[in-house]
Amino acid sequence: MGNLMLGRIVRIDLPDDVLAHVHAVVIAKMRVREPVIVGWVADDGHHDEVMVNPTMPILAQYDTDEEPRLDRRWMNRLMMAANAVRGLQLTPDLVDALRAIDGETTDAAESAVGPS
């Protein structure tokens, strides 16, 4: 399990595969100077949110040395969420929904996103 550091005070623990996709979406939003809301369930069970803007430092720390492989379907789902009013809500339901996408049969070459 890796973590996403947003600014100097926010740390969100996420599975490495989810982290890679969330990080890519947040960075994509920052490249076009669009802020995005990121919400998550904190260790104490409360729902927290932060408005991420292009001036904030963003760091993704992975638990594994393997380069993450990005899935286009995950990226599309997360980008749609990022563009919505509530932003990226990193809940267990979202992780389950992403994992369910993995269960669908598709051409791997069609769904893979190459390194940028």
N, C-alpha and C. Protein backbone atom coordinates (compact mmCIF):
# COMPACT_ATOMS: atom_id res chain seq x y z
N MET A 1 0.85 -1.17 0.00
CA MET A 1 0.00 0.00 0.00
C MET A 1 0.90 1.23 0.00
N GLY A 2 0.65 2.10 -0.97
CA GLY A 2 1.41 3.34 -1.06
C GLY A 2 0.61 4.48 -0.47
N ASN A 3 1.09 5.70 -0.67
CA ASN A 3 0.34 6.85 -0.19
C ASN A 3 0.51 8.04 -1.11
N LEU A 4 -0.51 8.88 -1.09
CA LEU A 4 -0.54 10.10 -1.88
C LEU A 4 -0.44 11.25 -0.90
N MET A 5 0.59 12.07 -1.07
CA MET A 5 0.78 13.25 -0.23
C MET A 5 0.33 14.46 -1.03
N LEU A 6 -0.62 15.19 -0.47
CA LEU A 6 -1.15 16.40 -1.10
C LEU A 6 -0.83 17.57 -0.19
N GLY A 7 0.00 18.46 -0.67
CA GLY A 7 0.43 19.56 0.18
C GLY A 7 1.35 19.02 1.26
N ARG A 8 1.38 19.69 2.38
CA ARG A 8 2.28 19.28 3.46
C ARG A 8 1.57 18.52 4.59
N ILE A 9 0.24 18.46 4.54
CA ILE A 9 -0.46 17.86 5.67
C ILE A 9 -1.35 16.68 5.34
N VAL A 10 -1.66 16.45 4.07
CA VAL A 10 -2.61 15.41 3.70
C VAL A 10 -1.86 14.17 3.19
N ARG A 11 -2.17 13.04 3.82
CA ARG A 11 -1.61 11.75 3.39
C ARG A 11 -2.77 10.77 3.26
N ILE A 12 -2.90 10.19 2.06
CA ILE A 12 -3.97 9.23 1.80
C ILE A 12 -3.33 7.90 1.43
N ASP A 13 -3.62 6.86 2.21
CA ASP A 13 -3.10 5.52 1.92
C ASP A 13 -3.99 4.84 0.89
N LEU A 14 -3.37 4.31 -0.17
CA LEU A 14 -4.10 3.65 -1.25
C LEU A 14 -3.31 2.46 -1.76
N PRO A 15 -4.00 1.43 -2.25
CA PRO A 15 -3.28 0.34 -2.93
C PRO A 15 -2.50 0.92 -4.11
N ASP A 16 -1.33 0.36 -4.38
CA ASP A 16 -0.45 0.91 -5.42
C ASP A 16 -1.13 1.09 -6.77
N ASP A 17 -1.95 0.11 -7.19
CA ASP A 17 -2.58 0.23 -8.50
C ASP A 17 -3.57 1.38 -8.54
N VAL A 18 -4.32 1.57 -7.47
CA VAL A 18 -5.27 2.69 -7.38
C VAL A 18 -4.49 4.00 -7.28
N LEU A 19 -3.44 4.02 -6.47
CA LEU A 19 -2.61 5.21 -6.32
C LEU A 19 -2.08 5.70 -7.66
N ALA A 20 -1.59 4.79 -8.48
CA ALA A 20 -1.02 5.17 -9.78
C ALA A 20 -2.07 5.89 -10.64
N HIS A 21 -3.28 5.39 -10.63
CA HIS A 21 -4.34 5.98 -11.45
C HIS A 21 -4.80 7.33 -10.88
N VAL A 22 -4.97 7.39 -9.57
CA VAL A 22 -5.39 8.65 -8.94
C VAL A 22 -4.32 9.72 -9.15
N HIS A 23 -3.06 9.35 -8.95
CA HIS A 23 -1.96 10.29 -9.15
C HIS A 23 -1.95 10.81 -10.59
N ALA A 24 -2.12 9.93 -11.56
CA ALA A 24 -2.12 10.33 -12.96
C ALA A 24 -3.27 11.30 -13.26
N VAL A 25 -4.44 11.06 -12.69
CA VAL A 25 -5.58 11.94 -12.92
C VAL A 25 -5.35 13.30 -12.26
N VAL A 26 -4.87 13.31 -11.04
CA VAL A 26 -4.60 14.58 -10.35
C VAL A 26 -3.55 15.38 -11.12
N ILE A 27 -2.49 14.73 -11.56
CA ILE A 27 -1.45 15.42 -12.32
C ILE A 27 -2.02 15.96 -13.64
N ALA A 28 -2.88 15.19 -14.30
CA ALA A 28 -3.51 15.66 -15.55
C ALA A 28 -4.31 16.94 -15.29
N LYS A 29 -5.04 16.97 -14.19
CA LYS A 29 -5.82 18.17 -13.84
C LYS A 29 -4.89 19.35 -13.56
N MET A 30 -3.78 19.09 -12.87
CA MET A 30 -2.85 20.17 -12.53
C MET A 30 -2.16 20.72 -13.78
N ARG A 31 -1.90 19.86 -14.75
CA ARG A 31 -1.25 20.31 -15.99
C ARG A 31 -2.08 21.35 -16.74
N VAL A 32 -3.39 21.26 -16.62
CA VAL A 32 -4.25 22.25 -17.28
C VAL A 32 -4.75 23.29 -16.27
N ARG A 33 -4.10 23.31 -15.12
CA ARG A 33 -4.35 24.29 -14.07
C ARG A 33 -5.80 24.27 -13.57
N GLU A 34 -6.36 23.06 -13.46
CA GLU A 34 -7.71 22.89 -12.94
C GLU A 34 -7.63 22.27 -11.55
N PRO A 35 -8.14 22.96 -10.53
CA PRO A 35 -8.19 22.35 -9.21
C PRO A 35 -9.15 21.17 -9.21
N VAL A 36 -8.97 20.27 -8.25
CA VAL A 36 -9.85 19.11 -8.13
C VAL A 36 -10.05 18.81 -6.64
N ILE A 37 -11.26 18.42 -6.30
CA ILE A 37 -11.55 17.99 -4.93
C ILE A 37 -11.19 16.52 -4.81
N VAL A 38 -10.47 16.18 -3.75
CA VAL A 38 -10.15 14.78 -3.45
C VAL A 38 -10.71 14.49 -2.06
N GLY A 39 -11.55 13.47 -1.97
CA GLY A 39 -12.13 13.07 -0.69
C GLY A 39 -11.76 11.64 -0.37
N TRP A 40 -11.72 11.30 0.92
CA TRP A 40 -11.36 9.95 1.35
C TRP A 40 -11.90 9.72 2.76
N VAL A 41 -11.90 8.48 3.16
CA VAL A 41 -12.29 8.11 4.52
C VAL A 41 -11.01 8.01 5.34
N ALA A 42 -10.90 8.85 6.36
CA ALA A 42 -9.70 8.90 7.20
C ALA A 42 -9.66 7.69 8.13
N ASP A 43 -8.52 7.49 8.77
CA ASP A 43 -8.34 6.36 9.69
C ASP A 43 -9.37 6.38 10.82
N ASP A 44 -9.82 7.57 11.22
CA ASP A 44 -10.80 7.65 12.30
C ASP A 44 -12.24 7.42 11.82
N GLY A 45 -12.39 7.12 10.50
CA GLY A 45 -13.71 6.83 9.95
C GLY A 45 -14.45 8.04 9.40
N HIS A 46 -13.91 9.22 9.63
CA HIS A 46 -14.55 10.43 9.12
C HIS A 46 -14.19 10.66 7.65
N HIS A 47 -15.08 11.35 6.97
CA HIS A 47 -14.86 11.70 5.56
C HIS A 47 -14.11 13.03 5.51
N ASP A 48 -12.98 13.06 4.84
CA ASP A 48 -12.19 14.28 4.69
C ASP A 48 -12.11 14.64 3.21
N GLU A 49 -11.95 15.92 2.94
CA GLU A 49 -11.78 16.40 1.56
C GLU A 49 -10.75 17.51 1.54
N VAL A 50 -10.07 17.63 0.41
CA VAL A 50 -9.14 18.73 0.20
C VAL A 50 -9.30 19.19 -1.25
N MET A 51 -9.19 20.49 -1.45
CA MET A 51 -9.19 21.05 -2.80
C MET A 51 -7.73 21.12 -3.23
N VAL A 52 -7.37 20.30 -4.21
CA VAL A 52 -5.99 20.27 -4.70
C VAL A 52 -5.88 21.30 -5.82
N ASN A 53 -4.85 22.14 -5.72
CA ASN A 53 -4.64 23.15 -6.74
C ASN A 53 -3.21 23.06 -7.27
N PRO A 54 -2.93 23.69 -8.40
CA PRO A 54 -1.62 23.55 -9.04
C PRO A 54 -0.43 24.05 -8.22
N THR A 55 -0.66 24.80 -7.15
CA THR A 55 0.46 25.29 -6.35
C THR A 55 0.88 24.31 -5.26
N MET A 56 0.12 23.24 -5.06
CA MET A 56 0.41 22.28 -3.99
C MET A 56 1.43 21.24 -4.45
N PRO A 57 2.38 20.90 -3.58
CA PRO A 57 3.25 19.76 -3.92
C PRO A 57 2.44 18.46 -3.84
N ILE A 58 2.69 17.56 -4.78
CA ILE A 58 1.99 16.28 -4.85
C ILE A 58 3.04 15.19 -4.96
N LEU A 59 2.96 14.20 -4.08
CA LEU A 59 3.94 13.12 -4.06
C LEU A 59 3.21 11.79 -3.96
N ALA A 60 3.56 10.86 -4.84
CA ALA A 60 3.03 9.50 -4.77
C ALA A 60 4.18 8.60 -4.34
N GLN A 61 4.00 7.89 -3.24
CA GLN A 61 5.01 6.95 -2.74
C GLN A 61 4.44 5.55 -2.84
N TYR A 62 5.11 4.71 -3.64
CA TYR A 62 4.64 3.35 -3.89
C TYR A 62 5.33 2.37 -2.97
N ASP A 63 4.61 1.30 -2.67
CA ASP A 63 5.14 0.24 -1.83
C ASP A 63 5.99 -0.74 -2.63
N THR A 64 5.81 -0.77 -3.93
CA THR A 64 6.51 -1.70 -4.80
C THR A 64 7.48 -0.95 -5.71
N ASP A 65 8.48 -1.66 -6.20
CA ASP A 65 9.44 -1.06 -7.13
C ASP A 65 8.97 -1.17 -8.58
N GLU A 66 7.94 -1.97 -8.82
CA GLU A 66 7.44 -2.18 -10.18
C GLU A 66 6.73 -0.92 -10.68
N GLU A 67 6.98 -0.59 -11.96
CA GLU A 67 6.29 0.56 -12.55
C GLU A 67 4.82 0.20 -12.74
N PRO A 68 3.93 1.04 -12.23
CA PRO A 68 2.50 0.72 -12.35
C PRO A 68 2.04 0.80 -13.80
N ARG A 69 1.14 -0.09 -14.14
CA ARG A 69 0.53 -0.10 -15.48
C ARG A 69 -0.84 0.55 -15.36
N LEU A 70 -1.08 1.53 -16.21
CA LEU A 70 -2.34 2.26 -16.14
C LEU A 70 -3.37 1.66 -17.10
N ASP A 71 -4.60 1.57 -16.63
CA ASP A 71 -5.70 1.03 -17.42
C ASP A 71 -6.58 2.18 -17.88
N ARG A 72 -6.82 2.24 -19.17
CA ARG A 72 -7.59 3.34 -19.76
C ARG A 72 -9.00 3.42 -19.16
N ARG A 73 -9.63 2.28 -18.88
CA ARG A 73 -10.99 2.30 -18.33
C ARG A 73 -10.99 2.89 -16.93
N TRP A 74 -9.99 2.56 -16.11
CA TRP A 74 -9.87 3.15 -14.77
C TRP A 74 -9.66 4.65 -14.89
N MET A 75 -8.76 5.04 -15.82
CA MET A 75 -8.46 6.46 -16.01
C MET A 75 -9.72 7.23 -16.42
N ASN A 76 -10.49 6.66 -17.34
CA ASN A 76 -11.72 7.33 -17.78
C ASN A 76 -12.70 7.49 -16.62
N ARG A 77 -12.87 6.44 -15.84
CA ARG A 77 -13.81 6.50 -14.70
C ARG A 77 -13.36 7.56 -13.68
N LEU A 78 -12.06 7.57 -13.37
CA LEU A 78 -11.54 8.53 -12.40
C LEU A 78 -11.59 9.96 -12.94
N MET A 79 -11.31 10.15 -14.22
CA MET A 79 -11.36 11.50 -14.79
C MET A 79 -12.79 12.02 -14.80
N MET A 80 -13.76 11.15 -15.07
CA MET A 80 -15.16 11.56 -15.00
C MET A 80 -15.51 12.01 -13.58
N ALA A 81 -15.03 11.26 -12.59
CA ALA A 81 -15.28 11.63 -11.20
C ALA A 81 -14.60 12.96 -10.87
N ALA A 82 -13.37 13.12 -11.32
CA ALA A 82 -12.62 14.35 -11.03
C ALA A 82 -13.32 15.58 -11.62
N ASN A 83 -14.00 15.40 -12.74
CA ASN A 83 -14.68 16.52 -13.40
C ASN A 83 -16.07 16.78 -12.83
N ALA A 84 -16.55 15.90 -11.98
CA ALA A 84 -17.88 16.07 -11.38
C ALA A 84 -17.82 17.05 -10.20
N VAL A 85 -18.97 17.48 -9.76
CA VAL A 85 -19.06 18.45 -8.67
C VAL A 85 -18.37 17.96 -7.40
N ARG A 86 -18.53 16.68 -7.06
CA ARG A 86 -17.95 16.15 -5.81
C ARG A 86 -16.48 15.78 -5.96
N GLY A 87 -15.97 15.72 -7.16
CA GLY A 87 -14.56 15.41 -7.36
C GLY A 87 -14.25 13.94 -7.15
N LEU A 88 -12.99 13.65 -6.90
CA LEU A 88 -12.53 12.27 -6.68
C LEU A 88 -12.83 11.85 -5.25
N GLN A 89 -13.77 10.96 -5.07
CA GLN A 89 -14.11 10.45 -3.74
C GLN A 89 -13.50 9.06 -3.62
N LEU A 90 -12.38 8.98 -2.92
CA LEU A 90 -11.61 7.73 -2.83
C LEU A 90 -12.15 6.86 -1.71
N THR A 91 -13.27 6.23 -1.98
CA THR A 91 -13.96 5.39 -1.00
C THR A 91 -13.72 3.92 -1.33
N PRO A 92 -13.98 3.04 -0.37
CA PRO A 92 -13.90 1.60 -0.68
C PRO A 92 -14.81 1.21 -1.85
N ASP A 93 -15.96 1.89 -2.00
CA ASP A 93 -16.86 1.60 -3.12
C ASP A 93 -16.19 1.90 -4.46
N LEU A 94 -15.43 2.98 -4.52
CA LEU A 94 -14.73 3.31 -5.76
C LEU A 94 -13.68 2.26 -6.08
N VAL A 95 -12.92 1.85 -5.08
CA VAL A 95 -11.90 0.81 -5.29
C VAL A 95 -12.57 -0.47 -5.78
N ASP A 96 -13.70 -0.85 -5.16
CA ASP A 96 -14.43 -2.05 -5.60
C ASP A 96 -14.90 -1.90 -7.05
N ALA A 97 -15.39 -0.72 -7.40
CA ALA A 97 -15.86 -0.49 -8.77
C ALA A 97 -14.71 -0.60 -9.77
N LEU A 98 -13.55 -0.07 -9.41
CA LEU A 98 -12.39 -0.19 -10.30
C LEU A 98 -11.98 -1.64 -10.45
N ARG A 99 -11.98 -2.37 -9.36
CA ARG A 99 -11.61 -3.79 -9.42
C ARG A 99 -12.63 -4.58 -10.25
N ALA A 100 -13.90 -4.18 -10.20
CA ALA A 100 -14.92 -4.85 -11.01
C ALA A 100 -14.67 -4.62 -12.49
N ILE A 101 -14.16 -3.45 -12.83
CA ILE A 101 -13.80 -3.17 -14.23
C ILE A 101 -12.75 -4.16 -14.68
N ASP A 102 -11.80 -4.49 -13.80
CA ASP A 102 -10.76 -5.46 -14.13
C ASP A 102 -11.35 -6.82 -14.47
N GLY A 103 -12.48 -7.15 -13.87
CA GLY A 103 -13.10 -8.44 -14.10
C GLY A 103 -13.76 -8.56 -15.47
N GLU A 104 -13.99 -7.44 -16.13
CA GLU A 104 -14.61 -7.47 -17.45
C GLU A 104 -13.59 -7.94 -18.47
N THR A 105 -14.03 -8.68 -19.46
CA THR A 105 -13.10 -9.17 -20.48
C THR A 105 -12.99 -8.15 -21.60
N THR A 106 -11.76 -7.68 -21.80
CA THR A 106 -11.49 -6.75 -22.90
C THR A 106 -10.12 -7.06 -23.45
N ASP A 107 -9.83 -6.49 -24.57
CA ASP A 107 -8.52 -6.63 -25.18
C ASP A 107 -7.53 -5.81 -24.36
N ALA A 108 -6.53 -6.45 -23.79
CA ALA A 108 -5.56 -5.77 -22.92
C ALA A 108 -4.85 -4.65 -23.66
N ALA A 109 -4.55 -4.85 -24.92
CA ALA A 109 -3.85 -3.81 -25.67
C ALA A 109 -4.73 -2.58 -25.84
N GLU A 110 -6.04 -2.78 -25.92
CA GLU A 110 -6.96 -1.67 -26.08
C GLU A 110 -7.09 -0.87 -24.80
N SER A 111 -7.00 -1.53 -23.64
CA SER A 111 -7.25 -0.84 -22.39
C SER A 111 -6.00 -0.30 -21.73
N ALA A 112 -4.84 -0.69 -22.17
CA ALA A 112 -3.61 -0.25 -21.52
C ALA A 112 -3.22 1.15 -21.98
N VAL A 113 -2.70 1.91 -21.05
CA VAL A 113 -2.18 3.23 -21.35
C VAL A 113 -0.68 3.14 -21.19
N GLY A 114 0.04 3.51 -22.20
CA GLY A 114 1.50 3.43 -22.15
C GLY A 114 2.10 4.50 -21.27
N PRO A 115 3.40 4.37 -20.98
CA PRO A 115 4.07 5.38 -20.15
C PRO A 115 4.07 6.73 -20.85
N SER A 116 4.00 7.78 -20.07
CA SER A 116 3.97 9.12 -20.67
C SER A 116 5.34 9.72 -20.71
